[in-house]
Amino acid sequence: MSKIPENLKYTKSHEWFKIDGDVATVGITDFAQHQLTDIVYVDMPKKGTVKKAGDTLLTIESVKSAEDVFFPVSGEVIETNEELDKKPELVNSDCYENWLVKIKLTDNKYDSMTAAEYKSYIGE
């Protein structure tokens, strides 16, 4: 059974995000990191990258596959979790503590699910 914190928002493509003012902290869900298995590389976007919700944010590579992670909100990448450059496996150990990027919102329009809706979506 996946860990799904109540205080976060979730997407159908298995990103989580938390909005604090005009900044969204973004990561992948426990369900997603379990599907990927052992994460070996996170291809971080450049700071200053501006995209719309649904655009590709970055790629995560595991021993099994490489998967895209998408912008859950529209905005500009203002910070990346540099610790993951050296230790990408931290996402496997705690995907909620080890966020991927912080995005400054350009609007407040986004499609998200609550923890209960996400739990139902992944069949738990």
PDB file of N, CA and C in Angstrom:
ATOM      1  N   MET A   1       0.838  -1.192   0.000  1.00  0.00           N
ATOM      2  CA  MET A   1       0.000   0.000   0.000  1.00  0.00           C
ATOM      3  C   MET A   1       0.883   1.257   0.000  1.00  0.00           C
ATOM      4  N   SER A   2       0.561   2.196  -0.871  1.00  0.00           N
ATOM      5  CA  SER A   2       1.354   3.416  -1.012  1.00  0.00           C
ATOM      6  C   SER A   2       1.100   4.402   0.118  1.00  0.00           C
ATOM      7  N   LYS A   3       2.137   5.162   0.417  1.00  0.00           N
ATOM      8  CA  LYS A   3       2.027   6.267   1.366  1.00  0.00           C
ATOM      9  C   LYS A   3       1.492   7.466   0.584  1.00  0.00           C
ATOM     10  N   ILE A   4       0.389   8.069   1.070  1.00  0.00           N
ATOM     11  CA  ILE A   4      -0.232   9.185   0.363  1.00  0.00           C
ATOM     12  C   ILE A   4      -0.583  10.282   1.372  1.00  0.00           C
ATOM     13  N   PRO A   5       0.334  11.227   1.605  1.00  0.00           N
ATOM     14  CA  PRO A   5       0.055  12.295   2.573  1.00  0.00           C
ATOM     15  C   PRO A   5      -1.186  13.111   2.203  1.00  0.00           C
ATOM     16  N   GLU A   6      -1.992  13.427   3.215  1.00  0.00           N
ATOM     17  CA  GLU A   6      -3.245  14.166   3.021  1.00  0.00           C
ATOM     18  C   GLU A   6      -3.035  15.611   2.584  1.00  0.00           C
ATOM     19  N   ASN A   7      -1.899  16.219   2.949  1.00  0.00           N
ATOM     20  CA  ASN A   7      -1.714  17.661   2.734  1.00  0.00           C
ATOM     21  C   ASN A   7      -1.198  18.028   1.346  1.00  0.00           C
ATOM     22  N   LEU A   8      -1.091  17.049   0.457  1.00  0.00           N
ATOM     23  CA  LEU A   8      -0.551  17.304  -0.879  1.00  0.00           C
ATOM     24  C   LEU A   8      -1.641  17.171  -1.941  1.00  0.00           C
ATOM     25  N   LYS A   9      -1.343  17.691  -3.138  1.00  0.00           N
ATOM     26  CA  LYS A   9      -2.206  17.527  -4.303  1.00  0.00           C
ATOM     27  C   LYS A   9      -1.517  16.530  -5.232  1.00  0.00           C
ATOM     28  N   TYR A  10      -2.317  15.789  -6.011  1.00  0.00           N
ATOM     29  CA  TYR A  10      -1.788  14.713  -6.845  1.00  0.00           C
ATOM     30  C   TYR A  10      -2.279  14.829  -8.284  1.00  0.00           C
ATOM     31  N   THR A  11      -1.479  14.291  -9.223  1.00  0.00           N
ATOM     32  CA  THR A  11      -1.860  14.301 -10.633  1.00  0.00           C
ATOM     33  C   THR A  11      -2.053  12.873 -11.132  1.00  0.00           C
ATOM     34  N   LYS A  12      -2.724  12.748 -12.274  1.00  0.00           N
ATOM     35  CA  LYS A  12      -2.932  11.430 -12.879  1.00  0.00           C
ATOM     36  C   LYS A  12      -1.630  10.828 -13.390  1.00  0.00           C
ATOM     37  N   SER A  13      -0.609  11.680 -13.605  1.00  0.00           N
ATOM     38  CA  SER A  13       0.692  11.171 -14.059  1.00  0.00           C
ATOM     39  C   SER A  13       1.643  10.944 -12.877  1.00  0.00           C
ATOM     40  N   HIS A  14       1.086  10.896 -11.655  1.00  0.00           N
ATOM     41  CA  HIS A  14       1.778  10.480 -10.434  1.00  0.00           C
ATOM     42  C   HIS A  14       2.816  11.472  -9.896  1.00  0.00           C
ATOM     43  N   GLU A  15       2.571  12.769 -10.096  1.00  0.00           N
ATOM     44  CA  GLU A  15       3.354  13.791  -9.404  1.00  0.00           C
ATOM     45  C   GLU A  15       2.560  14.234  -8.182  1.00  0.00           C
ATOM     46  N   TRP A  16       3.272  14.653  -7.155  1.00  0.00           N
ATOM     47  CA  TRP A  16       2.625  15.338  -6.032  1.00  0.00           C
ATOM     48  C   TRP A  16       3.134  16.778  -6.035  1.00  0.00           C
ATOM     49  N   PHE A  17       2.329  17.671  -5.488  1.00  0.00           N
ATOM     50  CA  PHE A  17       2.801  19.043  -5.325  1.00  0.00           C
ATOM     51  C   PHE A  17       2.113  19.698  -4.142  1.00  0.00           C
ATOM     52  N   LYS A  18       2.821  20.663  -3.591  1.00  0.00           N
ATOM     53  CA  LYS A  18       2.325  21.432  -2.455  1.00  0.00           C
ATOM     54  C   LYS A  18       2.543  22.897  -2.792  1.00  0.00           C
ATOM     55  N   ILE A  19       1.479  23.686  -2.682  1.00  0.00           N
ATOM     56  CA  ILE A  19       1.579  25.109  -3.004  1.00  0.00           C
ATOM     57  C   ILE A  19       1.706  25.913  -1.723  1.00  0.00           C
ATOM     58  N   ASP A  20       2.734  26.751  -1.703  1.00  0.00           N
ATOM     59  CA  ASP A  20       2.993  27.639  -0.577  1.00  0.00           C
ATOM     60  C   ASP A  20       3.142  29.042  -1.160  1.00  0.00           C
ATOM     61  N   GLY A  21       2.101  29.866  -1.033  1.00  0.00           N
ATOM     62  CA  GLY A  21       2.123  31.183  -1.667  1.00  0.00           C
ATOM     63  C   GLY A  21       2.060  31.021  -3.171  1.00  0.00           C
ATOM     64  N   ASP A  22       3.111  31.491  -3.873  1.00  0.00           N
ATOM     65  CA  ASP A  22       3.125  31.353  -5.336  1.00  0.00           C
ATOM     66  C   ASP A  22       4.195  30.366  -5.802  1.00  0.00           C
ATOM     67  N   VAL A  23       4.593  29.453  -4.889  1.00  0.00           N
ATOM     68  CA  VAL A  23       5.607  28.448  -5.220  1.00  0.00           C
ATOM     69  C   VAL A  23       5.042  27.047  -4.979  1.00  0.00           C
ATOM     70  N   ALA A  24       5.235  26.186  -5.981  1.00  0.00           N
ATOM     71  CA  ALA A  24       4.838  24.783  -5.851  1.00  0.00           C
ATOM     72  C   ALA A  24       6.090  23.929  -5.708  1.00  0.00           C
ATOM     73  N   THR A  25       6.118  23.103  -4.672  1.00  0.00           N
ATOM     74  CA  THR A  25       7.169  22.096  -4.511  1.00  0.00           C
ATOM     75  C   THR A  25       6.628  20.825  -5.143  1.00  0.00           C
ATOM     76  N   VAL A  26       7.440  20.177  -5.998  1.00  0.00           N
ATOM     77  CA  VAL A  26       6.971  19.060  -6.824  1.00  0.00           C
ATOM     78  C   VAL A  26       7.849  17.827  -6.621  1.00  0.00           C
ATOM     79  N   GLY A  27       7.214  16.672  -6.589  1.00  0.00           N
ATOM     80  CA  GLY A  27       7.936  15.402  -6.530  1.00  0.00           C
ATOM     81  C   GLY A  27       7.121  14.317  -7.204  1.00  0.00           C
ATOM     82  N   ILE A  28       7.605  13.079  -7.120  1.00  0.00           N
ATOM     83  CA  ILE A  28       6.816  11.944  -7.619  1.00  0.00           C
ATOM     84  C   ILE A  28       6.250  11.192  -6.426  1.00  0.00           C
ATOM     85  N   THR A  29       5.164  10.498  -6.658  1.00  0.00           N
ATOM     86  CA  THR A  29       4.470   9.793  -5.577  1.00  0.00           C
ATOM     87  C   THR A  29       5.171   8.478  -5.210  1.00  0.00           C
ATOM     88  N   ASP A  30       4.779   7.972  -4.074  1.00  0.00           N
ATOM     89  CA  ASP A  30       5.273   6.679  -3.605  1.00  0.00           C
ATOM     90  C   ASP A  30       4.914   5.588  -4.616  1.00  0.00           C
ATOM     91  N   PHE A  31       3.701   5.648  -5.145  1.00  0.00           N
ATOM     92  CA  PHE A  31       3.262   4.693  -6.169  1.00  0.00           C
ATOM     93  C   PHE A  31       4.225   4.723  -7.363  1.00  0.00           C
ATOM     94  N   ALA A  32       4.569   5.944  -7.824  1.00  0.00           N
ATOM     95  CA  ALA A  32       5.457   6.096  -8.983  1.00  0.00           C
ATOM     96  C   ALA A  32       6.855   5.558  -8.706  1.00  0.00           C
ATOM     97  N   GLN A  33       7.414   5.881  -7.537  1.00  0.00           N
ATOM     98  CA  GLN A  33       8.780   5.418  -7.268  1.00  0.00           C
ATOM     99  C   GLN A  33       8.820   3.899  -7.124  1.00  0.00           C
ATOM    100  N   HIS A  34       7.726   3.290  -6.627  1.00  0.00           N
ATOM    101  CA  HIS A  34       7.665   1.822  -6.552  1.00  0.00           C
ATOM    102  C   HIS A  34       7.611   1.209  -7.954  1.00  0.00           C
ATOM    103  N   GLN A  35       6.884   1.862  -8.865  1.00  0.00           N
ATOM    104  CA  GLN A  35       6.792   1.372 -10.243  1.00  0.00           C
ATOM    105  C   GLN A  35       8.150   1.448 -10.942  1.00  0.00           C
ATOM    106  N   LEU A  36       8.886   2.534 -10.676  1.00  0.00           N
ATOM    107  CA  LEU A  36      10.197   2.728 -11.305  1.00  0.00           C
ATOM    108  C   LEU A  36      11.246   1.765 -10.765  1.00  0.00           C
ATOM    109  N   THR A  37      11.137   1.376  -9.544  1.00  0.00           N
ATOM    110  CA  THR A  37      12.128   0.609  -8.776  1.00  0.00           C
ATOM    111  C   THR A  37      13.360   1.472  -8.519  1.00  0.00           C
ATOM    112  N   ASP A  38      14.561   0.934  -8.651  1.00  0.00           N
ATOM    113  CA  ASP A  38      15.780   1.628  -8.223  1.00  0.00           C
ATOM    114  C   ASP A  38      16.150   2.795  -9.142  1.00  0.00           C
ATOM    115  N   ILE A  39      15.967   4.010  -8.635  1.00  0.00           N
ATOM    116  CA  ILE A  39      16.250   5.219  -9.406  1.00  0.00           C
ATOM    117  C   ILE A  39      17.756   5.459  -9.423  1.00  0.00           C
ATOM    118  N   VAL A  40      18.291   5.661 -10.648  1.00  0.00           N
ATOM    119  CA  VAL A  40      19.740   5.835 -10.807  1.00  0.00           C
ATOM    120  C   VAL A  40      20.131   7.227 -11.321  1.00  0.00           C
ATOM    121  N   TYR A  41      19.149   7.992 -11.861  1.00  0.00           N
ATOM    122  CA  TYR A  41      19.485   9.311 -12.401  1.00  0.00           C
ATOM    123  C   TYR A  41      18.233  10.170 -12.512  1.00  0.00           C
ATOM    124  N   VAL A  42      18.368  11.445 -12.156  1.00  0.00           N
ATOM    125  CA  VAL A  42      17.298  12.418 -12.344  1.00  0.00           C
ATOM    126  C   VAL A  42      17.853  13.524 -13.238  1.00  0.00           C
ATOM    127  N   ASP A  43      17.282  13.664 -14.426  1.00  0.00           N
ATOM    128  CA  ASP A  43      17.717  14.670 -15.396  1.00  0.00           C
ATOM    129  C   ASP A  43      16.957  15.965 -15.114  1.00  0.00           C
ATOM    130  N   MET A  44      17.524  16.788 -14.242  1.00  0.00           N
ATOM    131  CA  MET A  44      16.861  18.010 -13.778  1.00  0.00           C
ATOM    132  C   MET A  44      16.771  19.058 -14.888  1.00  0.00           C
ATOM    133  N   PRO A  45      15.684  19.845 -14.868  1.00  0.00           N
ATOM    134  CA  PRO A  45      15.582  20.958 -15.814  1.00  0.00           C
ATOM    135  C   PRO A  45      16.493  22.102 -15.368  1.00  0.00           C
ATOM    136  N   LYS A  46      16.769  23.012 -16.286  1.00  0.00           N
ATOM    137  CA  LYS A  46      17.563  24.194 -15.928  1.00  0.00           C
ATOM    138  C   LYS A  46      16.686  25.177 -15.171  1.00  0.00           C
ATOM    139  N   LYS A  47      17.284  25.854 -14.187  1.00  0.00           N
ATOM    140  CA  LYS A  47      16.556  26.923 -13.503  1.00  0.00           C
ATOM    141  C   LYS A  47      16.181  27.952 -14.559  1.00  0.00           C
ATOM    142  N   GLY A  48      14.994  28.520 -14.424  1.00  0.00           N
ATOM    143  CA  GLY A  48      14.527  29.492 -15.403  1.00  0.00           C
ATOM    144  C   GLY A  48      13.662  28.880 -16.494  1.00  0.00           C
ATOM    145  N   THR A  49      13.575  27.538 -16.548  1.00  0.00           N
ATOM    146  CA  THR A  49      12.713  26.872 -17.521  1.00  0.00           C
ATOM    147  C   THR A  49      11.265  27.232 -17.216  1.00  0.00           C
ATOM    148  N   VAL A  50      10.547  27.715 -18.218  1.00  0.00           N
ATOM    149  CA  VAL A  50       9.143  28.099 -18.053  1.00  0.00           C
ATOM    150  C   VAL A  50       8.291  27.207 -18.955  1.00  0.00           C
ATOM    151  N   LYS A  51       7.295  26.566 -18.352  1.00  0.00           N
ATOM    152  CA  LYS A  51       6.413  25.675 -19.116  1.00  0.00           C
ATOM    153  C   LYS A  51       4.997  25.750 -18.564  1.00  0.00           C
ATOM    154  N   LYS A  52       4.099  25.126 -19.321  1.00  0.00           N
ATOM    155  CA  LYS A  52       2.698  25.041 -18.903  1.00  0.00           C
ATOM    156  C   LYS A  52       2.449  23.697 -18.226  1.00  0.00           C
ATOM    157  N   ALA A  53       1.420  23.639 -17.393  1.00  0.00           N
ATOM    158  CA  ALA A  53       1.016  22.381 -16.764  1.00  0.00           C
ATOM    159  C   ALA A  53       0.822  21.329 -17.855  1.00  0.00           C
ATOM    160  N   GLY A  54       1.373  20.143 -17.633  1.00  0.00           N
ATOM    161  CA  GLY A  54       1.268  19.052 -18.591  1.00  0.00           C
ATOM    162  C   GLY A  54       2.489  18.893 -19.482  1.00  0.00           C
ATOM    163  N   ASP A  55       3.332  19.936 -19.569  1.00  0.00           N
ATOM    164  CA  ASP A  55       4.574  19.837 -20.342  1.00  0.00           C
ATOM    165  C   ASP A  55       5.580  18.961 -19.577  1.00  0.00           C
ATOM    166  N   THR A  56       6.540  18.392 -20.305  1.00  0.00           N
ATOM    167  CA  THR A  56       7.561  17.572 -19.660  1.00  0.00           C
ATOM    168  C   THR A  56       8.461  18.441 -18.789  1.00  0.00           C
ATOM    169  N   LEU A  57       8.639  18.025 -17.540  1.00  0.00           N
ATOM    170  CA  LEU A  57       9.476  18.728 -16.571  1.00  0.00           C
ATOM    171  C   LEU A  57      10.886  18.149 -16.555  1.00  0.00           C
ATOM    172  N   LEU A  58      10.975  16.830 -16.432  1.00  0.00           N
ATOM    173  CA  LEU A  58      12.268  16.151 -16.348  1.00  0.00           C
ATOM    174  C   LEU A  58      12.086  14.671 -16.621  1.00  0.00           C
ATOM    175  N   THR A  59      13.202  13.951 -16.661  1.00  0.00           N
ATOM    176  CA  THR A  59      13.164  12.500 -16.839  1.00  0.00           C
ATOM    177  C   THR A  59      13.852  11.845 -15.652  1.00  0.00           C
ATOM    178  N   ILE A  60      13.231  10.780 -15.169  1.00  0.00           N
ATOM    179  CA  ILE A  60      13.834   9.964 -14.101  1.00  0.00           C
ATOM    180  C   ILE A  60      14.190   8.615 -14.705  1.00  0.00           C
ATOM    181  N   GLU A  61      15.438   8.205 -14.480  1.00  0.00           N
ATOM    182  CA  GLU A  61      15.881   6.909 -14.988  1.00  0.00           C
ATOM    183  C   GLU A  61      16.052   5.940 -13.820  1.00  0.00           C
ATOM    184  N   SER A  62      15.588   4.723 -14.049  1.00  0.00           N
ATOM    185  CA  SER A  62      15.777   3.663 -13.058  1.00  0.00           C
ATOM    186  C   SER A  62      16.490   2.511 -13.741  1.00  0.00           C
ATOM    187  N   VAL A  63      16.782   1.467 -12.985  1.00  0.00           N
ATOM    188  CA  VAL A  63      17.413   0.298 -13.586  1.00  0.00           C
ATOM    189  C   VAL A  63      16.462  -0.359 -14.589  1.00  0.00           C
ATOM    190  N   LYS A  64      15.166  -0.058 -14.471  1.00  0.00           N
ATOM    191  CA  LYS A  64      14.141  -0.686 -15.287  1.00  0.00           C
ATOM    192  C   LYS A  64      13.735   0.142 -16.509  1.00  0.00           C
ATOM    193  N   SER A  65      13.650   1.469 -16.348  1.00  0.00           N
ATOM    194  CA  SER A  65      13.132   2.308 -17.429  1.00  0.00           C
ATOM    195  C   SER A  65      13.470   3.779 -17.201  1.00  0.00           C
ATOM    196  N   ALA A  66      13.100   4.594 -18.174  1.00  0.00           N
ATOM    197  CA  ALA A  66      13.197   6.047 -18.032  1.00  0.00           C
ATOM    198  C   ALA A  66      11.787   6.596 -18.214  1.00  0.00           C
ATOM    199  N   GLU A  67      11.369   7.449 -17.300  1.00  0.00           N
ATOM    200  CA  GLU A  67      10.009   7.995 -17.347  1.00  0.00           C
ATOM    201  C   GLU A  67      10.033   9.506 -17.243  1.00  0.00           C
ATOM    202  N   ASP A  68       9.140  10.148 -17.986  1.00  0.00           N
ATOM    203  CA  ASP A  68       9.000  11.596 -17.895  1.00  0.00           C
ATOM    204  C   ASP A  68       8.180  11.963 -16.671  1.00  0.00           C
ATOM    205  N   VAL A  69       8.540  13.092 -16.092  1.00  0.00           N
ATOM    206  CA  VAL A  69       7.769  13.711 -15.018  1.00  0.00           C
ATOM    207  C   VAL A  69       7.253  15.018 -15.615  1.00  0.00           C
ATOM    208  N   PHE A  70       6.006  15.351 -15.333  1.00  0.00           N
ATOM    209  CA  PHE A  70       5.376  16.501 -15.981  1.00  0.00           C
ATOM    210  C   PHE A  70       5.158  17.660 -15.018  1.00  0.00           C
ATOM    211  N   PHE A  71       5.119  18.867 -15.581  1.00  0.00           N
ATOM    212  CA  PHE A  71       4.768  20.057 -14.803  1.00  0.00           C
ATOM    213  C   PHE A  71       3.327  19.884 -14.314  1.00  0.00           C
ATOM    214  N   PRO A  72       3.079  19.856 -13.010  1.00  0.00           N
ATOM    215  CA  PRO A  72       1.697  19.767 -12.527  1.00  0.00           C
ATOM    216  C   PRO A  72       1.014  21.143 -12.526  1.00  0.00           C
ATOM    217  N   VAL A  73       1.825  22.189 -12.629  1.00  0.00           N
ATOM    218  CA  VAL A  73       1.354  23.580 -12.627  1.00  0.00           C
ATOM    219  C   VAL A  73       2.121  24.330 -13.711  1.00  0.00           C
ATOM    220  N   SER A  74       1.614  25.482 -14.110  1.00  0.00           N
ATOM    221  CA  SER A  74       2.344  26.327 -15.057  1.00  0.00           C
ATOM    222  C   SER A  74       3.259  27.255 -14.278  1.00  0.00           C
ATOM    223  N   GLY A  75       4.496  27.412 -14.761  1.00  0.00           N
ATOM    224  CA  GLY A  75       5.396  28.307 -14.064  1.00  0.00           C
ATOM    225  C   GLY A  75       6.849  28.145 -14.459  1.00  0.00           C
ATOM    226  N   GLU A  76       7.704  28.732 -13.620  1.00  0.00           N
ATOM    227  CA  GLU A  76       9.146  28.767 -13.862  1.00  0.00           C
ATOM    228  C   GLU A  76       9.881  27.969 -12.792  1.00  0.00           C
ATOM    229  N   VAL A  77      10.791  27.100 -13.229  1.00  0.00           N
ATOM    230  CA  VAL A  77      11.625  26.347 -12.290  1.00  0.00           C
ATOM    231  C   VAL A  77      12.565  27.336 -11.598  1.00  0.00           C
ATOM    232  N   ILE A  78      12.441  27.445 -10.266  1.00  0.00           N
ATOM    233  CA  ILE A  78      13.298  28.381  -9.530  1.00  0.00           C
ATOM    234  C   ILE A  78      14.326  27.669  -8.659  1.00  0.00           C
ATOM    235  N   GLU A  79      14.127  26.361  -8.449  1.00  0.00           N
ATOM    236  CA  GLU A  79      15.079  25.603  -7.631  1.00  0.00           C
ATOM    237  C   GLU A  79      14.968  24.127  -7.973  1.00  0.00           C
ATOM    238  N   THR A  80      16.119  23.448  -7.979  1.00  0.00           N
ATOM    239  CA  THR A  80      16.135  21.993  -8.139  1.00  0.00           C
ATOM    240  C   THR A  80      16.782  21.391  -6.894  1.00  0.00           C
ATOM    241  N   ASN A  81      16.413  20.166  -6.588  1.00  0.00           N
ATOM    242  CA  ASN A  81      16.988  19.483  -5.431  1.00  0.00           C
ATOM    243  C   ASN A  81      18.352  18.923  -5.845  1.00  0.00           C
ATOM    244  N   GLU A  82      19.396  19.720  -5.608  1.00  0.00           N
ATOM    245  CA  GLU A  82      20.743  19.368  -6.064  1.00  0.00           C
ATOM    246  C   GLU A  82      21.291  18.110  -5.405  1.00  0.00           C
ATOM    247  N   GLU A  83      20.753  17.748  -4.247  1.00  0.00           N
ATOM    248  CA  GLU A  83      21.211  16.534  -3.569  1.00  0.00           C
ATOM    249  C   GLU A  83      20.945  15.288  -4.426  1.00  0.00           C
ATOM    250  N   LEU A  84      19.910  15.372  -5.262  1.00  0.00           N
ATOM    251  CA  LEU A  84      19.566  14.226  -6.116  1.00  0.00           C
ATOM    252  C   LEU A  84      20.549  14.028  -7.262  1.00  0.00           C
ATOM    253  N   ASP A  85      21.368  15.053  -7.568  1.00  0.00           N
ATOM    254  CA  ASP A  85      22.412  14.886  -8.588  1.00  0.00           C
ATOM    255  C   ASP A  85      23.403  13.815  -8.148  1.00  0.00           C
ATOM    256  N   LYS A  86      23.718  13.818  -6.856  1.00  0.00           N
ATOM    257  CA  LYS A  86      24.687  12.860  -6.313  1.00  0.00           C
ATOM    258  C   LYS A  86      24.024  11.574  -5.823  1.00  0.00           C
ATOM    259  N   LYS A  87      22.793  11.707  -5.314  1.00  0.00           N
ATOM    260  CA  LYS A  87      22.112  10.558  -4.709  1.00  0.00           C
ATOM    261  C   LYS A  87      20.668  10.457  -5.196  1.00  0.00           C
ATOM    262  N   PRO A  88      20.455  10.088  -6.457  1.00  0.00           N
ATOM    263  CA  PRO A  88      19.083   9.999  -6.974  1.00  0.00           C
ATOM    264  C   PRO A  88      18.235   8.967  -6.241  1.00  0.00           C
ATOM    265  N   GLU A  89      18.896   7.983  -5.621  1.00  0.00           N
ATOM    266  CA  GLU A  89      18.167   6.925  -4.908  1.00  0.00           C
ATOM    267  C   GLU A  89      17.408   7.446  -3.688  1.00  0.00           C
ATOM    268  N   LEU A  90      17.683   8.692  -3.277  1.00  0.00           N
ATOM    269  CA  LEU A  90      16.939   9.285  -2.156  1.00  0.00           C
ATOM    270  C   LEU A  90      15.441   9.343  -2.461  1.00  0.00           C
ATOM    271  N   VAL A  91      15.091   9.462  -3.737  1.00  0.00           N
ATOM    272  CA  VAL A  91      13.674   9.480  -4.117  1.00  0.00           C
ATOM    273  C   VAL A  91      13.017   8.158  -3.720  1.00  0.00           C
ATOM    274  N   ASN A  92      13.745   7.047  -3.845  1.00  0.00           N
ATOM    275  CA  ASN A  92      13.204   5.751  -3.433  1.00  0.00           C
ATOM    276  C   ASN A  92      13.042   5.655  -1.922  1.00  0.00           C
ATOM    277  N   SER A  93      13.969   6.251  -1.169  1.00  0.00           N
ATOM    278  CA  SER A  93      13.902   6.111   0.287  1.00  0.00           C
ATOM    279  C   SER A  93      12.782   6.958   0.893  1.00  0.00           C
ATOM    280  N   ASP A  94      12.522   8.153   0.359  1.00  0.00           N
ATOM    281  CA  ASP A  94      11.389   8.968   0.805  1.00  0.00           C
ATOM    282  C   ASP A  94      11.073   9.996  -0.272  1.00  0.00           C
ATOM    283  N   CYS A  95      10.122   9.658  -1.115  1.00  0.00           N
ATOM    284  CA  CYS A  95       9.798  10.502  -2.277  1.00  0.00           C
ATOM    285  C   CYS A  95       9.102  11.800  -1.879  1.00  0.00           C
ATOM    286  N   TYR A  96       8.568  11.872  -0.677  1.00  0.00           N
ATOM    287  CA  TYR A  96       7.896  13.103  -0.248  1.00  0.00           C
ATOM    288  C   TYR A  96       8.878  14.065   0.418  1.00  0.00           C
ATOM    289  N   GLU A  97       9.854  13.535   1.102  1.00  0.00           N
ATOM    290  CA  GLU A  97      10.907  14.356   1.701  1.00  0.00           C
ATOM    291  C   GLU A  97      11.867  14.859   0.612  1.00  0.00           C
ATOM    292  N   ASN A  98      12.126  14.019  -0.373  1.00  0.00           N
ATOM    293  CA  ASN A  98      13.100  14.327  -1.427  1.00  0.00           C
ATOM    294  C   ASN A  98      12.390  14.815  -2.686  1.00  0.00           C
ATOM    295  N   TRP A  99      11.906  16.042  -2.601  1.00  0.00           N
ATOM    296  CA  TRP A  99      11.228  16.712  -3.708  1.00  0.00           C
ATOM    297  C   TRP A  99      12.194  16.879  -4.883  1.00  0.00           C
ATOM    298  N   LEU A 100      11.641  17.197  -6.045  1.00  0.00           N
ATOM    299  CA  LEU A 100      12.451  17.339  -7.258  1.00  0.00           C
ATOM    300  C   LEU A 100      12.755  18.799  -7.583  1.00  0.00           C
ATOM    301  N   VAL A 101      11.704  19.608  -7.720  1.00  0.00           N
ATOM    302  CA  VAL A 101      11.884  21.016  -8.099  1.00  0.00           C
ATOM    303  C   VAL A 101      10.890  21.901  -7.366  1.00  0.00           C
ATOM    304  N   LYS A 102      11.199  23.212  -7.402  1.00  0.00           N
ATOM    305  CA  LYS A 102      10.257  24.229  -6.940  1.00  0.00           C
ATOM    306  C   LYS A 102       9.944  25.112  -8.138  1.00  0.00           C
ATOM    307  N   ILE A 103       8.662  25.401  -8.305  1.00  0.00           N
ATOM    308  CA  ILE A 103       8.179  26.153  -9.464  1.00  0.00           C
ATOM    309  C   ILE A 103       7.418  27.385  -8.992  1.00  0.00           C
ATOM    310  N   LYS A 104       7.805  28.550  -9.532  1.00  0.00           N
ATOM    311  CA  LYS A 104       7.064  29.781  -9.259  1.00  0.00           C
ATOM    312  C   LYS A 104       5.879  29.807 -10.215  1.00  0.00           C
ATOM    313  N   LEU A 105       4.674  29.840  -9.650  1.00  0.00           N
ATOM    314  CA  LEU A 105       3.453  29.767 -10.447  1.00  0.00           C
ATOM    315  C   LEU A 105       3.263  30.992 -11.335  1.00  0.00           C
ATOM    316  N   THR A 106       2.812  30.748 -12.568  1.00  0.00           N
ATOM    317  CA  THR A 106       2.430  31.861 -13.438  1.00  0.00           C
ATOM    318  C   THR A 106       0.915  32.019 -13.458  1.00  0.00           C
ATOM    319  N   ASP A 107       0.192  30.998 -12.995  1.00  0.00           N
ATOM    320  CA  ASP A 107      -1.257  31.120 -12.790  1.00  0.00           C
ATOM    321  C   ASP A 107      -1.684  30.090 -11.752  1.00  0.00           C
ATOM    322  N   ASN A 108      -2.922  30.176 -11.347  1.00  0.00           N
ATOM    323  CA  ASN A 108      -3.430  29.255 -10.330  1.00  0.00           C
ATOM    324  C   ASN A 108      -4.331  28.179 -10.922  1.00  0.00           C
ATOM    325  N   LYS A 109      -4.163  27.898 -12.216  1.00  0.00           N
ATOM    326  CA  LYS A 109      -4.974  26.877 -12.865  1.00  0.00           C
ATOM    327  C   LYS A 109      -4.184  25.582 -12.930  1.00  0.00           C
ATOM    328  N   TYR A 110      -4.725  24.549 -12.322  1.00  0.00           N
ATOM    329  CA  TYR A 110      -4.091  23.233 -12.398  1.00  0.00           C
ATOM    330  C   TYR A 110      -5.137  22.173 -12.122  1.00  0.00           C
ATOM    331  N   ASP A 111      -4.867  21.001 -12.609  1.00  0.00           N
ATOM    332  CA  ASP A 111      -5.760  19.869 -12.439  1.00  0.00           C
ATOM    333  C   ASP A 111      -5.127  18.964 -11.389  1.00  0.00           C
ATOM    334  N   SER A 112      -5.833  18.729 -10.304  1.00  0.00           N
ATOM    335  CA  SER A 112      -5.245  17.894  -9.258  1.00  0.00           C
ATOM    336  C   SER A 112      -6.308  17.070  -8.543  1.00  0.00           C
ATOM    337  N   MET A 113      -5.825  16.096  -7.794  1.00  0.00           N
ATOM    338  CA  MET A 113      -6.683  15.234  -6.982  1.00  0.00           C
ATOM    339  C   MET A 113      -6.284  15.385  -5.524  1.00  0.00           C
ATOM    340  N   THR A 114      -7.243  15.136  -4.648  1.00  0.00           N
ATOM    341  CA  THR A 114      -6.947  15.060  -3.216  1.00  0.00           C
ATOM    342  C   THR A 114      -6.294  13.704  -2.948  1.00  0.00           C
ATOM    343  N   ALA A 115      -5.798  13.514  -1.740  1.00  0.00           N
ATOM    344  CA  ALA A 115      -5.204  12.222  -1.362  1.00  0.00           C
ATOM    345  C   ALA A 115      -6.224  11.095  -1.526  1.00  0.00           C
ATOM    346  N   ALA A 116      -7.460  11.314  -1.111  1.00  0.00           N
ATOM    347  CA  ALA A 116      -8.501  10.281  -1.222  1.00  0.00           C
ATOM    348  C   ALA A 116      -8.797   9.959  -2.684  1.00  0.00           C
ATOM    349  N   GLU A 117      -8.872  10.996  -3.524  1.00  0.00           N
ATOM    350  CA  GLU A 117      -9.129  10.780  -4.954  1.00  0.00           C
ATOM    351  C   GLU A 117      -7.964  10.030  -5.602  1.00  0.00           C
ATOM    352  N   TYR A 118      -6.745  10.386  -5.229  1.00  0.00           N
ATOM    353  CA  TYR A 118      -5.562   9.709  -5.786  1.00  0.00           C
ATOM    354  C   TYR A 118      -5.519   8.250  -5.355  1.00  0.00           C
ATOM    355  N   LYS A 119      -5.832   8.010  -4.086  1.00  0.00           N
ATOM    356  CA  LYS A 119      -5.852   6.639  -3.564  1.00  0.00           C
ATOM    357  C   LYS A 119      -6.832   5.786  -4.375  1.00  0.00           C
ATOM    358  N   SER A 120      -7.988   6.337  -4.668  1.00  0.00           N
ATOM    359  CA  SER A 120      -8.996   5.644  -5.476  1.00  0.00           C
ATOM    360  C   SER A 120      -8.475   5.451  -6.901  1.00  0.00           C
ATOM    361  N   TYR A 121      -7.819   6.472  -7.445  1.00  0.00           N
ATOM    362  CA  TYR A 121      -7.287   6.429  -8.807  1.00  0.00           C
ATOM    363  C   TYR A 121      -6.279   5.302  -8.993  1.00  0.00           C
ATOM    364  N   ILE A 122      -5.423   5.077  -7.997  1.00  0.00           N
ATOM    365  CA  ILE A 122      -4.422   3.998  -8.119  1.00  0.00           C
ATOM    366  C   ILE A 122      -4.927   2.666  -7.591  1.00  0.00           C
ATOM    367  N   GLY A 123      -6.213   2.636  -7.199  1.00  0.00           N
ATOM    368  CA  GLY A 123      -6.852   1.391  -6.814  1.00  0.00           C
ATOM    369  C   GLY A 123      -6.529   0.909  -5.410  1.00  0.00           C
ATOM    370  N   GLU A 124      -6.293   1.846  -4.500  1.00  0.00           N
ATOM    371  CA  GLU A 124      -6.012   1.431  -3.107  1.00  0.00           C
ATOM    372  C   GLU A 124      -7.152   1.809  -2.184  1.00  0.00           C
TER     373      GLU A 124
END
